[in-house]
Amino acid sequence: MKDRTDISTFEDIKLLVNTFYDKVRKDELIGTIFNGVIQDKWPIHLEKMYRFWQTVLLKDHTYYGSPFAPHAKLPVSGDHFERWMKLFTETVDDNFSGEKATEAKWRAQKMATMFQMKIDYYQNNQSTPLL
């Protein structure tokens, strides 16, 4: 097993994001949803995810936008969020160890919980999200 360091550089962010989304794209449960929505725009999506996690974890403010809006109308449920979180946690644990690694998992869990609650609300109330 390789030595695991904490998430501390932009290269670490890229490793996290690239490794995670490689797993997502191949996953039998959530891969088809991601691939169907993103299609051939993976490089654009990955760049956006680099900036998001760089802003969140390294406090280098390079992401501007609303993270929830692109997810508001996705056909997903609790199972999808559980798989997303499992793959994210595995990726962090396989590659990193430390305070920022723990923070990444905590923030991902909070985001997944919030996104799931909001998506469930919109699906169950025939509401249109304010985007």
Protein backbone atom coordinates (compact mmCIF):
# COMPACT_ATOMS: atom_id res chain seq x y z
CA MET A 1 0.00 0.00 0.00
CA LYS A 2 1.33 3.42 -0.92
CA ASP A 3 2.02 6.17 1.57
CA ARG A 4 -1.01 8.38 1.84
CA THR A 5 -0.59 12.09 2.45
CA ASP A 6 -3.24 14.70 3.02
CA ILE A 7 -4.93 16.70 0.28
CA SER A 8 -2.82 19.83 0.05
CA THR A 9 -2.17 20.77 -3.59
CA PHE A 10 -4.02 21.28 -6.83
CA GLU A 11 -2.40 18.05 -8.09
CA ASP A 12 -3.99 16.24 -5.14
CA ILE A 13 -7.37 17.69 -6.10
CA LYS A 14 -6.90 16.49 -9.68
CA LEU A 15 -5.95 12.99 -8.46
CA LEU A 16 -9.05 12.88 -6.24
CA VAL A 17 -11.42 14.11 -8.94
CA ASN A 18 -9.96 12.04 -11.80
CA THR A 19 -9.83 8.82 -9.78
CA PHE A 20 -13.33 9.33 -8.40
CA TYR A 21 -14.94 10.09 -11.76
CA ASP A 22 -13.12 7.18 -13.41
CA LYS A 23 -14.98 4.98 -10.93
CA VAL A 24 -18.26 6.82 -11.45
CA ARG A 25 -18.12 6.50 -15.24
CA LYS A 26 -17.69 2.71 -14.97
CA ASP A 27 -20.22 2.16 -12.19
CA GLU A 28 -23.26 0.10 -13.19
CA LEU A 29 -25.70 2.12 -11.05
CA ILE A 30 -24.65 5.74 -11.48
CA GLY A 31 -22.38 5.60 -14.51
CA THR A 32 -25.18 5.63 -17.05
CA ILE A 33 -26.76 8.71 -15.43
CA PHE A 34 -23.49 10.67 -15.39
CA ASN A 35 -22.45 9.54 -18.86
CA GLY A 36 -25.92 10.28 -20.23
CA VAL A 37 -25.97 13.83 -18.89
CA ILE A 38 -22.32 14.76 -19.42
CA GLN A 39 -21.88 12.86 -22.70
CA ASP A 40 -18.73 14.14 -24.43
CA LYS A 41 -18.24 17.06 -22.05
CA TRP A 42 -16.21 15.17 -19.45
CA PRO A 43 -13.15 17.46 -19.73
CA ILE A 44 -15.37 20.48 -18.99
CA HIS A 45 -17.03 18.69 -16.06
CA LEU A 46 -13.70 17.59 -14.59
CA GLU A 47 -12.30 21.13 -14.82
CA LYS A 48 -15.36 22.41 -12.97
CA MET A 49 -14.92 19.74 -10.29
CA TYR A 50 -11.24 20.64 -9.89
CA ARG A 51 -12.23 24.25 -9.24
CA PHE A 52 -15.05 23.24 -6.88
CA TRP A 53 -12.88 21.05 -4.66
CA GLN A 54 -9.94 23.46 -4.87
CA THR A 55 -12.24 26.18 -3.51
CA VAL A 56 -13.79 23.96 -0.83
CA LEU A 57 -10.67 22.21 0.47
CA LEU A 58 -7.75 24.49 -0.36
CA LYS A 59 -9.59 27.82 0.09
CA ASP A 60 -8.27 28.92 -3.30
CA HIS A 61 -11.44 30.51 -4.69
CA THR A 62 -11.56 29.42 -8.30
CA TYR A 63 -15.14 28.04 -8.42
CA TYR A 64 -18.07 30.33 -8.99
CA GLY A 65 -21.51 28.97 -9.51
CA SER A 66 -24.35 27.07 -7.95
CA PRO A 67 -23.48 23.41 -7.38
CA PHE A 68 -27.06 22.23 -6.97
CA ALA A 69 -28.63 23.67 -10.12
CA PRO A 70 -27.22 21.11 -12.62
CA HIS A 71 -28.43 18.27 -10.39
CA ALA A 72 -31.95 19.52 -9.65
CA LYS A 73 -33.81 17.40 -12.21
CA LEU A 74 -31.67 14.26 -12.23
CA PRO A 75 -33.57 10.94 -12.01
CA VAL A 76 -31.81 9.84 -8.82
CA SER A 77 -32.78 8.45 -5.43
CA GLY A 78 -31.17 7.41 -2.17
CA ASP A 79 -29.45 4.39 -3.73
CA HIS A 80 -27.65 6.63 -6.20
CA PHE A 81 -26.43 8.95 -3.47
CA GLU A 82 -25.25 6.02 -1.36
CA ARG A 83 -23.22 4.68 -4.29
CA TRP A 84 -21.81 8.15 -5.05
CA MET A 85 -20.75 8.51 -1.41
CA LYS A 86 -19.27 4.99 -1.28
CA LEU A 87 -17.14 5.64 -4.37
CA PHE A 88 -16.06 9.05 -3.08
CA THR A 89 -15.10 7.71 0.36
CA GLU A 90 -13.17 4.80 -1.18
CA THR A 91 -11.29 7.20 -3.45
CA VAL A 92 -10.32 9.49 -0.59
CA ASP A 93 -9.34 6.61 1.71
CA ASP A 94 -7.31 4.85 -1.00
CA ASN A 95 -5.29 7.96 -1.84
CA PHE A 96 -5.20 10.32 1.12
CA SER A 97 -5.02 10.53 4.88
CA GLY A 98 -5.31 13.55 7.13
CA GLU A 99 -7.42 16.51 8.12
CA LYS A 100 -8.34 17.63 4.58
CA ALA A 101 -9.13 14.04 3.56
CA THR A 102 -11.54 13.80 6.49
CA GLU A 103 -13.00 17.19 5.60
CA ALA A 104 -13.51 16.11 1.98
CA LYS A 105 -15.57 13.10 3.08
CA TRP A 106 -17.56 15.19 5.57
CA ARG A 107 -18.32 17.88 2.98
CA ALA A 108 -19.26 15.29 0.36
CA GLN A 109 -21.68 13.64 2.81
CA LYS A 110 -23.29 16.96 3.70
CA MET A 111 -23.63 17.84 0.02
CA ALA A 112 -25.11 14.43 -0.86
CA THR A 113 -27.63 14.71 1.98
CA MET A 114 -28.68 18.22 0.95
CA PHE A 115 -28.90 17.36 -2.76
CA GLN A 116 -30.93 14.23 -2.03
CA MET A 117 -33.38 16.12 0.18
CA LYS A 118 -33.87 18.86 -2.40
CA ILE A 119 -34.24 16.45 -5.33
CA ASP A 120 -36.71 14.32 -3.35
CA TYR A 121 -38.72 17.44 -2.58
CA TYR A 122 -38.90 18.52 -6.22
CA GLN A 123 -39.76 14.99 -7.40
CA ASN A 124 -42.51 14.52 -4.81
CA ASN A 125 -44.12 17.95 -5.08
CA GLN A 126 -44.06 18.57 -8.82
CA SER A 127 -42.17 21.74 -7.98
CA THR A 128 -39.80 23.52 -10.27
CA PRO A 129 -36.47 24.33 -8.65
CA LEU A 130 -35.46 27.96 -8.44
CA LEU A 131 -32.35 27.93 -10.58
